[in-house]
C-alpha atoms as a PDB file:
ATOM      1  CA  MET A   1      -2.382   4.331  12.409  1.00  0.00           C
ATOM      2  CA  HIS A   2      -2.409   6.147  15.725  1.00  0.00           C
ATOM      3  CA  ILE A   3      -2.484   2.828  17.598  1.00  0.00           C
ATOM      4  CA  ILE A   4       0.656   1.739  15.749  1.00  0.00           C
ATOM      5  CA  GLN A   5       2.208   5.181  16.258  1.00  0.00           C
ATOM      6  CA  ASP A   6       1.598   4.918  20.035  1.00  0.00           C
ATOM      7  CA  TYR A   7       3.188   1.454  20.066  1.00  0.00           C
ATOM      8  CA  LEU A   8       6.267   2.650  18.152  1.00  0.00           C
ATOM      9  CA  ASP A   9       6.628   5.587  20.559  1.00  0.00           C
ATOM     10  CA  LYS A  10       6.483   3.239  23.586  1.00  0.00           C
ATOM     11  CA  GLN A  11       9.067   0.918  22.006  1.00  0.00           C
ATOM     12  CA  GLY A  12      11.389   3.780  21.069  1.00  0.00           C
ATOM     13  CA  ILE A  13      11.253   2.879  17.369  1.00  0.00           C
ATOM     14  CA  SER A  14      11.928   5.804  15.047  1.00  0.00           C
ATOM     15  CA  TYR A  15       9.469   6.421  12.222  1.00  0.00           C
ATOM     16  CA  GLN A  16       8.124   8.822   9.652  1.00  0.00           C
ATOM     17  CA  TYR A  17       4.382   9.491   9.458  1.00  0.00           C
ATOM     18  CA  LEU A  18       2.276  10.511   6.477  1.00  0.00           C
ATOM     19  CA  ASP A  19      -1.469  10.912   6.110  1.00  0.00           C
ATOM     20  CA  GLY A  20      -3.781  13.180   4.145  1.00  0.00           C
ATOM     21  CA  SER A  21      -3.462  16.030   6.640  1.00  0.00           C
ATOM     22  CA  ILE A  22       0.243  16.555   5.901  1.00  0.00           C
ATOM     23  CA  PRO A  23       0.848  19.479   3.471  1.00  0.00           C
ATOM     24  CA  ALA A  24       2.687  18.719   0.195  1.00  0.00           C
ATOM     25  CA  PRO A  25       6.026  20.376   1.095  1.00  0.00           C
ATOM     26  CA  GLU A  26       6.131  18.483   4.405  1.00  0.00           C
ATOM     27  CA  ARG A  27       5.213  15.212   2.621  1.00  0.00           C
ATOM     28  CA  LYS A  28       8.291  15.552   0.425  1.00  0.00           C
ATOM     29  CA  LYS A  29      10.503  16.242   3.460  1.00  0.00           C
ATOM     30  CA  ARG A  30       9.252  13.118   5.203  1.00  0.00           C
ATOM     31  CA  VAL A  31       9.675  10.913   2.131  1.00  0.00           C
ATOM     32  CA  ASP A  32      13.187  12.288   1.571  1.00  0.00           C
ATOM     33  CA  ALA A  33      14.048  11.724   5.248  1.00  0.00           C
ATOM     34  CA  PHE A  34      12.901   8.089   5.072  1.00  0.00           C
ATOM     35  CA  GLN A  35      14.785   7.525   1.824  1.00  0.00           C
ATOM     36  CA  ALA A  36      17.914   8.907   3.545  1.00  0.00           C
ATOM     37  CA  GLY A  37      17.542   6.470   6.447  1.00  0.00           C
ATOM     38  CA  SER A  38      15.738   8.606   9.017  1.00  0.00           C
ATOM     39  CA  GLY A  39      13.204   6.243  10.536  1.00  0.00           C
ATOM     40  CA  ASP A  40      12.965   2.475  10.806  1.00  0.00           C
ATOM     41  CA  VAL A  41       9.276   2.556   9.860  1.00  0.00           C
ATOM     42  CA  PHE A  42       7.192   4.750   7.585  1.00  0.00           C
ATOM     43  CA  LEU A  43       3.512   4.875   8.563  1.00  0.00           C
ATOM     44  CA  ILE A  44       1.530   5.927   5.510  1.00  0.00           C
ATOM     45  CA  SER A  45      -2.220   5.965   5.036  1.00  0.00           C
ATOM     46  CA  LEU A  46      -3.431   4.316   1.841  1.00  0.00           C
ATOM     47  CA  LYS A  47      -4.984   7.538   0.610  1.00  0.00           C
ATOM     48  CA  ALA A  48      -1.773   9.507   1.158  1.00  0.00           C
ATOM     49  CA  GLY A  49       0.592   6.806  -0.096  1.00  0.00           C
ATOM     50  CA  GLY A  50      -1.257   5.223  -2.979  1.00  0.00           C
ATOM     51  CA  THR A  51       0.259   7.405  -5.665  1.00  0.00           C
ATOM     52  CA  GLY A  52       3.214   9.650  -6.308  1.00  0.00           C
ATOM     53  CA  LEU A  53       5.688   8.211  -3.822  1.00  0.00           C
ATOM     54  CA  ASN A  54       8.996   6.542  -4.529  1.00  0.00           C
ATOM     55  CA  LEU A  55      10.099   4.505  -1.515  1.00  0.00           C
ATOM     56  CA  THR A  56      13.046   2.430  -2.674  1.00  0.00           C
ATOM     57  CA  ALA A  57      14.394   2.423   0.908  1.00  0.00           C
ATOM     58  CA  ALA A  58      11.502   0.148   1.936  1.00  0.00           C
ATOM     59  CA  ASP A  59      12.158  -3.571   2.427  1.00  0.00           C
ATOM     60  CA  TYR A  60       8.698  -4.404   3.746  1.00  0.00           C
ATOM     61  CA  VAL A  61       5.188  -3.138   3.139  1.00  0.00           C
ATOM     62  CA  ILE A  62       2.673  -4.093   5.816  1.00  0.00           C
ATOM     63  CA  HIS A  63      -1.001  -3.367   5.186  1.00  0.00           C
ATOM     64  CA  MET A  64      -2.760  -2.999   8.516  1.00  0.00           C
ATOM     65  CA  ASP A  65      -6.219  -1.984   7.309  1.00  0.00           C
ATOM     66  CA  PRO A  66      -7.553  -3.327   3.998  1.00  0.00           C
ATOM     67  CA  TRP A  67      -9.216  -1.003   1.529  1.00  0.00           C
ATOM     68  CA  TRP A  68     -12.431  -1.915  -0.287  1.00  0.00           C
ATOM     69  CA  ASN A  69     -10.684  -1.742  -3.645  1.00  0.00           C
ATOM     70  CA  PRO A  70      -7.727  -4.160  -3.812  1.00  0.00           C
ATOM     71  CA  ALA A  71      -6.147  -2.130  -6.615  1.00  0.00           C
ATOM     72  CA  VAL A  72      -5.600   0.736  -4.140  1.00  0.00           C
ATOM     73  CA  GLU A  73      -3.559  -1.574  -1.898  1.00  0.00           C
ATOM     74  CA  ASP A  74      -1.616  -2.896  -4.881  1.00  0.00           C
ATOM     75  CA  GLN A  75      -0.837   0.651  -5.977  1.00  0.00           C
ATOM     76  CA  ALA A  76       0.396   1.517  -2.484  1.00  0.00           C
ATOM     77  CA  SER A  77       2.602  -1.603  -2.419  1.00  0.00           C
ATOM     78  CA  ASP A  78       4.059  -0.590  -5.758  1.00  0.00           C
ATOM     79  CA  ARG A  79       5.575   2.523  -4.126  1.00  0.00           C
ATOM     80  CA  ALA A  80       8.394   0.262  -2.863  1.00  0.00           C
ATOM     81  CA  HIS A  81       8.788  -1.543  -6.226  1.00  0.00           C
ATOM     82  CA  ARG A  82      10.210   1.422  -8.118  1.00  0.00           C
ATOM     83  CA  ILE A  83      13.151   2.016 -10.413  1.00  0.00           C
ATOM     84  CA  GLY A  84      16.194   2.147  -8.174  1.00  0.00           C
ATOM     85  CA  GLN A  85      15.022  -0.529  -5.727  1.00  0.00           C
ATOM     86  CA  GLN A  86      18.074  -2.674  -4.938  1.00  0.00           C
ATOM     87  CA  ARG A  87      16.542  -5.164  -2.494  1.00  0.00           C
ATOM     88  CA  PRO A  88      13.643  -7.611  -2.491  1.00  0.00           C
ATOM     89  CA  VAL A  89      10.428  -6.196  -1.018  1.00  0.00           C
ATOM     90  CA  THR A  90       8.129  -8.350   1.114  1.00  0.00           C
ATOM     91  CA  ILE A  91       4.459  -7.402   1.421  1.00  0.00           C
ATOM     92  CA  TYR A  92       2.257  -8.472   4.328  1.00  0.00           C
ATOM     93  CA  ARG A  93      -1.427  -7.953   4.965  1.00  0.00           C
ATOM     94  CA  LEU A  94      -2.301  -8.301   8.649  1.00  0.00           C
ATOM     95  CA  VAL A  95      -5.961  -9.052   9.221  1.00  0.00           C
ATOM     96  CA  ALA A  96      -7.734 -10.256  12.364  1.00  0.00           C
ATOM     97  CA  LYS A  97      -9.956 -13.291  11.828  1.00  0.00           C
ATOM     98  CA  ASP A  98     -13.756 -12.861  11.880  1.00  0.00           C
ATOM     99  CA  THR A  99     -13.666  -9.060  11.555  1.00  0.00           C
ATOM    100  CA  ILE A 100     -15.023  -6.681   8.942  1.00  0.00           C
ATOM    101  CA  GLU A 101     -11.467  -6.490   7.597  1.00  0.00           C
ATOM    102  CA  ASP A 102     -11.490 -10.278   7.136  1.00  0.00           C
ATOM    103  CA  LYS A 103     -14.673  -9.908   5.081  1.00  0.00           C
ATOM    104  CA  ILE A 104     -13.057  -7.149   3.006  1.00  0.00           C
ATOM    105  CA  VAL A 105     -10.137  -9.460   2.171  1.00  0.00           C
ATOM    106  CA  ASP A 106     -12.642 -12.141   1.128  1.00  0.00           C
ATOM    107  CA  LEU A 107     -14.272  -9.535  -1.112  1.00  0.00           C
ATOM    108  CA  HIS A 108     -10.832  -8.789  -2.619  1.00  0.00           C
ATOM    109  CA  HIS A 109     -10.405 -12.448  -3.539  1.00  0.00           C
ATOM    110  CA  HIS A 110     -13.871 -12.583  -5.037  1.00  0.00           C
ATOM    111  CA  LYS A 111     -13.242  -9.441  -7.128  1.00  0.00           C
ATOM    112  CA  ARG A 112      -9.901 -10.734  -8.389  1.00  0.00           C
ATOM    113  CA  ASP A 113     -11.359 -14.171  -9.229  1.00  0.00           C
ATOM    114  CA  LEU A 114     -14.241 -12.536 -11.080  1.00  0.00           C
ATOM    115  CA  ALA A 115     -11.912 -10.280 -13.073  1.00  0.00           C
ATOM    116  CA  ASP A 116      -9.629 -13.226 -13.892  1.00  0.00           C
ATOM    117  CA  SER A 117     -12.541 -15.377 -15.050  1.00  0.00           C
ATOM    118  CA  LEU A 118     -13.851 -12.597 -17.285  1.00  0.00           C
ATOM    119  CA  LEU A 119     -10.479 -11.954 -18.888  1.00  0.00           C
ATOM    120  CA  GLU A 120      -9.152 -15.513 -19.003  1.00  0.00           C
ATOM    121  CA  GLY A 121      -8.842 -16.618 -22.586  1.00  0.00           C
ATOM    122  CA  ALA A 122     -10.956 -13.737 -23.849  1.00  0.00           C
ATOM    123  CA  ASP A 123      -9.904 -12.160 -27.110  1.00  0.00           C
ATOM    124  CA  LEU A 124     -10.927  -8.594 -26.409  1.00  0.00           C
ATOM    125  CA  ARG A 125     -10.606  -7.606 -30.073  1.00  0.00           C
ATOM    126  CA  HIS A 126     -13.866  -9.425 -30.756  1.00  0.00           C
ATOM    127  CA  HIS A 127     -15.668  -7.467 -28.060  1.00  0.00           C
ATOM    128  CA  VAL A 128     -14.879  -3.965 -29.262  1.00  0.00           C
ATOM    129  CA  LYS A 129     -17.608  -2.296 -31.284  1.00  0.00           C
ATOM    130  CA  ILE A 130     -16.210   0.060 -33.907  1.00  0.00           C
ATOM    131  CA  ASN A 131     -18.563   2.465 -35.651  1.00  0.00           C
END
């Protein structure tokens, strides 16, 4: 995120920043500031932004660094899809080809396909053992 932060600084683009090192009271201030229109971009780490945020001011979510568990990314994207959202939200995942991140995204697809194949057409009531 610091690479992106440096780029935004050089371009003069205003932003809010949130990672795990930011104390809870300051987190709320930064979220409230973004919601009120202070900052064109909100840089949020997946760990800090995966739960508990309501970002209805967001139009775009851009994942710059994939997480091993795709559900964590989905949860972070959901922060912009909250009650009160008035606009469509577009989600991007930027990944460089032939990198470890590219392999992580392939793993995401494999995990999702596996979960879909296990649940597709399955009647889970027949698989629950009741004593």
